[in-house]
Amino acid sequence: MLNGKIYTKRCRRYNLAGNAHELTFSCYDNQPFLLTERTCKYLVDSIIRSREKHQFDLWAYVFMPNHVHLLICPRKQQYSISDILLSIKQPVSRKALNYLKSNNPDGLKYLATSQMHRPYRLWQKGGGYDRNITEVNTVINSVHYLHNNPVRKGLVESMDRWYYSSAADWQGTRQGPILMDFESFPT
């Protein structure tokens, strides 16, 4: 609130052909929902399906316990980052909510919002963070930044040890759960 007025943070998206996008979105109330293997598998599946549907290349990713980083580059001239994010996040929310309703109703309390129109939420409200990238050096730096997240947070000693990350793919030590689109990566 500022001077008696409520301000809502607005996320501006620039859907510009040829731009890469560094996307970040968080779990509701900063909770570590992505420590659950099942939720991570839902997210892997959803990213793969969204990539096919919206025709984007995936250059890097990391799932942290409470947020996700993706580095993508849409292949189409006309695209919507909002639609891409919706097609990634919504199926994960639905599957997680359905699982909890059927198998662990007590777990629903962690997703409870106290809102009538939206009683549960897996992802934080809002569009998250979207950074358009046009420079090759910035893309390379983004890959390093994403991959170093688990190391910076003290979750692993080396970035290729974090399973839900493309770091091991980039280092050639193993293949992660989502195939990378190395052939389209700028050089």
C-alpha atoms as a PDB file:
ATOM      1  CA  MET A   1       0.000   0.000   0.000  1.00  0.00           C
ATOM      2  CA  LEU A   2       1.329   3.424  -0.921  1.00  0.00           C
ATOM      3  CA  ASN A   3      -0.490   6.664  -0.017  1.00  0.00           C
ATOM      4  CA  GLY A   4      -3.632   4.697   0.801  1.00  0.00           C
ATOM      5  CA  LYS A   5      -3.693   2.919  -2.560  1.00  0.00           C
ATOM      6  CA  ILE A   6      -3.124  -0.781  -3.168  1.00  0.00           C
ATOM      7  CA  TYR A   7      -0.626  -1.498  -5.918  1.00  0.00           C
ATOM      8  CA  THR A   8      -0.332  -4.801  -7.703  1.00  0.00           C
ATOM      9  CA  LYS A   9       2.982  -5.804  -9.200  1.00  0.00           C
ATOM     10  CA  ARG A  10       2.541  -6.319 -12.927  1.00  0.00           C
ATOM     11  CA  CYS A  11       4.585  -8.700 -14.983  1.00  0.00           C
ATOM     12  CA  ARG A  12       5.295  -7.419 -18.469  1.00  0.00           C
ATOM     13  CA  ARG A  13       6.021 -10.024 -21.091  1.00  0.00           C
ATOM     14  CA  TYR A  14       7.806  -9.300 -24.328  1.00  0.00           C
ATOM     15  CA  ASN A  15       7.117 -12.077 -26.829  1.00  0.00           C
ATOM     16  CA  LEU A  16       9.800 -11.148 -29.332  1.00  0.00           C
ATOM     17  CA  ALA A  17      10.848 -13.607 -32.025  1.00  0.00           C
ATOM     18  CA  GLY A  18      14.407 -14.830 -31.573  1.00  0.00           C
ATOM     19  CA  ASN A  19      14.613 -13.956 -27.879  1.00  0.00           C
ATOM     20  CA  ALA A  20      15.499 -16.544 -25.295  1.00  0.00           C
ATOM     21  CA  HIS A  21      13.619 -16.382 -21.999  1.00  0.00           C
ATOM     22  CA  GLU A  22      14.932 -17.057 -18.526  1.00  0.00           C
ATOM     23  CA  LEU A  23      11.806 -18.038 -16.610  1.00  0.00           C
ATOM     24  CA  THR A  24      11.471 -18.420 -12.854  1.00  0.00           C
ATOM     25  CA  PHE A  25       8.340 -19.411 -10.979  1.00  0.00           C
ATOM     26  CA  SER A  26       7.870 -20.286  -7.328  1.00  0.00           C
ATOM     27  CA  CYS A  27       5.854 -22.642  -5.181  1.00  0.00           C
ATOM     28  CA  TYR A  28       2.985 -21.250  -3.149  1.00  0.00           C
ATOM     29  CA  ASP A  29       4.151 -19.518   0.040  1.00  0.00           C
ATOM     30  CA  ASN A  30       7.728 -20.463  -0.849  1.00  0.00           C
ATOM     31  CA  GLN A  31       7.059 -24.032   0.283  1.00  0.00           C
ATOM     32  CA  PRO A  32       9.390 -26.869  -0.803  1.00  0.00           C
ATOM     33  CA  PHE A  33       6.829 -28.791  -2.892  1.00  0.00           C
ATOM     34  CA  LEU A  34       9.529 -29.811  -5.358  1.00  0.00           C
ATOM     35  CA  LEU A  35      11.268 -31.988  -2.797  1.00  0.00           C
ATOM     36  CA  THR A  36       8.581 -34.537  -3.654  1.00  0.00           C
ATOM     37  CA  GLU A  37       9.692 -36.886  -6.428  1.00  0.00           C
ATOM     38  CA  ARG A  38       6.105 -37.244  -7.652  1.00  0.00           C
ATOM     39  CA  THR A  39       5.680 -33.477  -8.126  1.00  0.00           C
ATOM     40  CA  CYS A  40       9.013 -33.243  -9.957  1.00  0.00           C
ATOM     41  CA  LYS A  41       7.937 -36.035 -12.306  1.00  0.00           C
ATOM     42  CA  TYR A  42       4.669 -34.183 -12.975  1.00  0.00           C
ATOM     43  CA  LEU A  43       6.745 -31.113 -13.818  1.00  0.00           C
ATOM     44  CA  VAL A  44       9.101 -33.028 -16.121  1.00  0.00           C
ATOM     45  CA  ASP A  45       6.139 -34.458 -18.027  1.00  0.00           C
ATOM     46  CA  SER A  46       4.470 -31.071 -18.242  1.00  0.00           C
ATOM     47  CA  ILE A  47       7.586 -29.324 -19.596  1.00  0.00           C
ATOM     48  CA  ILE A  48       8.016 -32.028 -22.254  1.00  0.00           C
ATOM     49  CA  ARG A  49       4.380 -31.728 -23.347  1.00  0.00           C
ATOM     50  CA  SER A  50       4.488 -27.933 -23.333  1.00  0.00           C
ATOM     51  CA  ARG A  51       7.680 -27.928 -25.405  1.00  0.00           C
ATOM     52  CA  GLU A  52       5.944 -30.064 -28.057  1.00  0.00           C
ATOM     53  CA  LYS A  53       2.757 -27.998 -27.995  1.00  0.00           C
ATOM     54  CA  HIS A  54       4.374 -24.551 -28.037  1.00  0.00           C
ATOM     55  CA  GLN A  55       7.490 -25.412 -30.039  1.00  0.00           C
ATOM     56  CA  PHE A  56      10.268 -24.036 -27.882  1.00  0.00           C
ATOM     57  CA  ASP A  57      13.807 -25.225 -27.291  1.00  0.00           C
ATOM     58  CA  LEU A  58      14.901 -25.986 -23.744  1.00  0.00           C
ATOM     59  CA  TRP A  59      18.486 -24.955 -23.102  1.00  0.00           C
ATOM     60  CA  ALA A  60      18.740 -25.283 -19.318  1.00  0.00           C
ATOM     61  CA  TYR A  61      16.635 -25.975 -16.251  1.00  0.00           C
ATOM     62  CA  VAL A  62      16.837 -26.573 -12.541  1.00  0.00           C
ATOM     63  CA  PHE A  63      14.080 -27.498 -10.099  1.00  0.00           C
ATOM     64  CA  MET A  64      14.892 -26.114  -6.680  1.00  0.00           C
ATOM     65  CA  PRO A  65      12.849 -27.226  -3.651  1.00  0.00           C
ATOM     66  CA  ASN A  66      10.662 -24.111  -3.811  1.00  0.00           C
ATOM     67  CA  HIS A  67      11.072 -22.711  -7.328  1.00  0.00           C
ATOM     68  CA  VAL A  68      11.908 -23.537 -10.938  1.00  0.00           C
ATOM     69  CA  HIS A  69      14.290 -21.978 -13.462  1.00  0.00           C
ATOM     70  CA  LEU A  70      13.949 -22.597 -17.190  1.00  0.00           C
ATOM     71  CA  LEU A  71      15.914 -21.202 -20.099  1.00  0.00           C
ATOM     72  CA  ILE A  72      13.874 -21.562 -23.265  1.00  0.00           C
ATOM     73  CA  CYS A  73      13.834 -20.184 -26.787  1.00  0.00           C
ATOM     74  CA  PRO A  74      10.542 -20.249 -28.723  1.00  0.00           C
ATOM     75  CA  ARG A  75      10.928 -21.394 -32.331  1.00  0.00           C
ATOM     76  CA  LYS A  76       7.778 -19.709 -33.669  1.00  0.00           C
ATOM     77  CA  GLN A  77       7.556 -16.068 -34.693  1.00  0.00           C
ATOM     78  CA  GLN A  78       4.319 -15.644 -32.734  1.00  0.00           C
ATOM     79  CA  TYR A  79       4.211 -17.093 -29.224  1.00  0.00           C
ATOM     80  CA  SER A  80       3.029 -16.303 -25.718  1.00  0.00           C
ATOM     81  CA  ILE A  81       5.247 -16.868 -22.684  1.00  0.00           C
ATOM     82  CA  SER A  82       2.095 -16.623 -20.556  1.00  0.00           C
ATOM     83  CA  ASP A  83       0.534 -19.513 -22.493  1.00  0.00           C
ATOM     84  CA  ILE A  84       3.734 -21.530 -22.224  1.00  0.00           C
ATOM     85  CA  LEU A  85       3.893 -21.029 -18.460  1.00  0.00           C
ATOM     86  CA  LEU A  86       0.213 -21.882 -18.081  1.00  0.00           C
ATOM     87  CA  SER A  87       0.668 -25.106 -20.038  1.00  0.00           C
ATOM     88  CA  ILE A  88       3.606 -26.052 -17.809  1.00  0.00           C
ATOM     89  CA  LYS A  89       2.214 -25.083 -14.410  1.00  0.00           C
ATOM     90  CA  GLN A  90      -1.485 -25.921 -14.659  1.00  0.00           C
ATOM     91  CA  PRO A  91      -1.188 -29.693 -15.292  1.00  0.00           C
ATOM     92  CA  VAL A  92       1.253 -30.036 -12.395  1.00  0.00           C
ATOM     93  CA  SER A  93      -1.156 -28.243 -10.063  1.00  0.00           C
ATOM     94  CA  ARG A  94      -4.082 -30.388 -11.153  1.00  0.00           C
ATOM     95  CA  LYS A  95      -2.199 -33.660 -10.775  1.00  0.00           C
ATOM     96  CA  ALA A  96      -0.779 -32.705  -7.375  1.00  0.00           C
ATOM     97  CA  LEU A  97      -4.162 -31.550  -6.114  1.00  0.00           C
ATOM     98  CA  ASN A  98      -5.910 -34.686  -7.365  1.00  0.00           C
ATOM     99  CA  TYR A  99      -3.244 -36.872  -5.778  1.00  0.00           C
ATOM    100  CA  LEU A 100      -3.619 -35.145  -2.419  1.00  0.00           C
ATOM    101  CA  LYS A 101      -7.409 -35.294  -2.513  1.00  0.00           C
ATOM    102  CA  SER A 102      -7.290 -39.045  -3.170  1.00  0.00           C
ATOM    103  CA  ASN A 103      -4.267 -40.136  -1.148  1.00  0.00           C
ATOM    104  CA  ASN A 104      -3.361 -37.519   1.443  1.00  0.00           C
ATOM    105  CA  PRO A 105      -6.211 -35.105   2.243  1.00  0.00           C
ATOM    106  CA  ASP A 106      -4.271 -33.779   5.249  1.00  0.00           C
ATOM    107  CA  GLY A 107      -1.612 -32.534   2.824  1.00  0.00           C
ATOM    108  CA  LEU A 108      -4.098 -30.113   1.272  1.00  0.00           C
ATOM    109  CA  LYS A 109      -3.547 -27.738   4.180  1.00  0.00           C
ATOM    110  CA  TYR A 110      -0.163 -26.780   2.694  1.00  0.00           C
ATOM    111  CA  LEU A 111      -1.862 -25.613  -0.509  1.00  0.00           C
ATOM    112  CA  ALA A 112      -4.759 -23.848   1.241  1.00  0.00           C
ATOM    113  CA  THR A 113      -5.205 -20.197   0.281  1.00  0.00           C
ATOM    114  CA  SER A 114      -8.226 -19.219   2.414  1.00  0.00           C
ATOM    115  CA  GLN A 115      -9.886 -17.922  -0.763  1.00  0.00           C
ATOM    116  CA  MET A 116     -13.320 -19.040  -1.904  1.00  0.00           C
ATOM    117  CA  HIS A 117     -12.651 -18.833  -5.658  1.00  0.00           C
ATOM    118  CA  ARG A 118      -9.234 -20.539  -5.438  1.00  0.00           C
ATOM    119  CA  PRO A 119      -9.028 -22.653  -2.277  1.00  0.00           C
ATOM    120  CA  TYR A 120      -5.731 -24.364  -3.187  1.00  0.00           C
ATOM    121  CA  ARG A 121      -2.597 -23.297  -4.971  1.00  0.00           C
ATOM    122  CA  LEU A 122       0.621 -25.125  -5.848  1.00  0.00           C
ATOM    123  CA  TRP A 123       2.334 -22.168  -7.540  1.00  0.00           C
ATOM    124  CA  GLN A 124       2.731 -18.656  -6.237  1.00  0.00           C
ATOM    125  CA  LYS A 125       0.211 -16.238  -7.692  1.00  0.00           C
ATOM    126  CA  GLY A 126       1.461 -14.174 -10.591  1.00  0.00           C
ATOM    127  CA  GLY A 127       3.553 -14.726 -13.646  1.00  0.00           C
ATOM    128  CA  GLY A 128       6.887 -15.233 -11.987  1.00  0.00           C
ATOM    129  CA  TYR A 129      10.005 -13.788 -13.539  1.00  0.00           C
ATOM    130  CA  ASP A 130      10.614 -13.552 -17.286  1.00  0.00           C
ATOM    131  CA  ARG A 131      13.853 -12.138 -18.604  1.00  0.00           C
ATOM    132  CA  ASN A 132      14.260 -11.703 -22.355  1.00  0.00           C
ATOM    133  CA  ILE A 133      17.780 -12.500 -23.514  1.00  0.00           C
ATOM    134  CA  THR A 134      19.257 -11.450 -26.848  1.00  0.00           C
ATOM    135  CA  GLU A 135      23.025 -11.701 -26.306  1.00  0.00           C
ATOM    136  CA  VAL A 136      24.923 -14.998 -26.534  1.00  0.00           C
ATOM    137  CA  ASN A 137      27.118 -14.163 -23.517  1.00  0.00           C
ATOM    138  CA  THR A 138      24.014 -13.468 -21.443  1.00  0.00           C
ATOM    139  CA  VAL A 139      22.527 -16.829 -22.476  1.00  0.00           C
ATOM    140  CA  ILE A 140      25.743 -18.595 -21.441  1.00  0.00           C
ATOM    141  CA  ASN A 141      25.825 -16.730 -18.120  1.00  0.00           C
ATOM    142  CA  SER A 142      22.195 -17.675 -17.530  1.00  0.00           C
ATOM    143  CA  VAL A 143      23.007 -21.377 -18.014  1.00  0.00           C
ATOM    144  CA  HIS A 144      25.788 -21.114 -15.415  1.00  0.00           C
ATOM    145  CA  TYR A 145      23.585 -19.160 -13.000  1.00  0.00           C
ATOM    146  CA  LEU A 146      20.757 -21.706 -13.210  1.00  0.00           C
ATOM    147  CA  HIS A 147      23.052 -24.683 -12.785  1.00  0.00           C
ATOM    148  CA  ASN A 148      24.864 -23.166  -9.794  1.00  0.00           C
ATOM    149  CA  ASN A 149      21.640 -22.605  -7.825  1.00  0.00           C
ATOM    150  CA  PRO A 150      21.798 -25.909  -5.867  1.00  0.00           C
ATOM    151  CA  VAL A 151      25.488 -25.283  -5.063  1.00  0.00           C
ATOM    152  CA  ARG A 152      24.837 -21.710  -3.885  1.00  0.00           C
ATOM    153  CA  LYS A 153      22.026 -22.976  -1.639  1.00  0.00           C
ATOM    154  CA  GLY A 154      24.281 -25.664  -0.152  1.00  0.00           C
ATOM    155  CA  LEU A 155      22.181 -28.551  -1.471  1.00  0.00           C
ATOM    156  CA  VAL A 156      25.069 -30.210  -3.337  1.00  0.00           C
ATOM    157  CA  GLU A 157      28.816 -29.708  -3.659  1.00  0.00           C
ATOM    158  CA  SER A 158      28.901 -29.793  -7.450  1.00  0.00           C
ATOM    159  CA  MET A 159      26.157 -28.734  -9.819  1.00  0.00           C
ATOM    160  CA  ASP A 160      26.025 -32.017 -11.751  1.00  0.00           C
ATOM    161  CA  ARG A 161      24.987 -33.830  -8.534  1.00  0.00           C
ATOM    162  CA  TRP A 162      21.532 -32.160  -8.490  1.00  0.00           C
ATOM    163  CA  TYR A 163      19.241 -34.584 -10.308  1.00  0.00           C
ATOM    164  CA  TYR A 164      16.521 -32.203 -11.503  1.00  0.00           C
ATOM    165  CA  SER A 165      18.889 -30.000 -13.441  1.00  0.00           C
ATOM    166  CA  SER A 166      20.431 -29.942 -16.883  1.00  0.00           C
ATOM    167  CA  ALA A 167      23.924 -29.366 -15.403  1.00  0.00           C
ATOM    168  CA  ALA A 168      24.986 -33.002 -15.819  1.00  0.00           C
ATOM    169  CA  ASP A 169      23.808 -32.942 -19.441  1.00  0.00           C
ATOM    170  CA  TRP A 170      25.950 -29.865 -20.060  1.00  0.00           C
ATOM    171  CA  GLN A 171      28.955 -31.465 -18.364  1.00  0.00           C
ATOM    172  CA  GLY A 172      28.427 -34.789 -20.148  1.00  0.00           C
ATOM    173  CA  THR A 173      28.348 -36.811 -16.916  1.00  0.00           C
ATOM    174  CA  ARG A 174      24.804 -38.182 -17.359  1.00  0.00           C
ATOM    175  CA  GLN A 175      21.514 -37.482 -19.059  1.00  0.00           C
ATOM    176  CA  GLY A 176      18.926 -35.709 -16.933  1.00  0.00           C
ATOM    177  CA  PRO A 177      15.178 -36.293 -16.938  1.00  0.00           C
ATOM    178  CA  ILE A 178      14.558 -33.809 -19.786  1.00  0.00           C
ATOM    179  CA  LEU A 179      16.486 -33.849 -23.056  1.00  0.00           C
ATOM    180  CA  MET A 180      18.265 -30.630 -23.944  1.00  0.00           C
ATOM    181  CA  ASP A 181      18.073 -28.904 -27.315  1.00  0.00           C
ATOM    182  CA  PHE A 182      21.821 -28.433 -27.689  1.00  0.00           C
ATOM    183  CA  GLU A 183      21.674 -28.223 -31.482  1.00  0.00           C
ATOM    184  CA  SER A 184      19.875 -24.863 -31.340  1.00  0.00           C
ATOM    185  CA  PHE A 185      22.043 -23.330 -28.594  1.00  0.00           C
ATOM    186  CA  PRO A 186      23.790 -20.185 -29.844  1.00  0.00           C
ATOM    187  CA  THR A 187      27.539 -20.230 -30.248  1.00  0.00           C
END
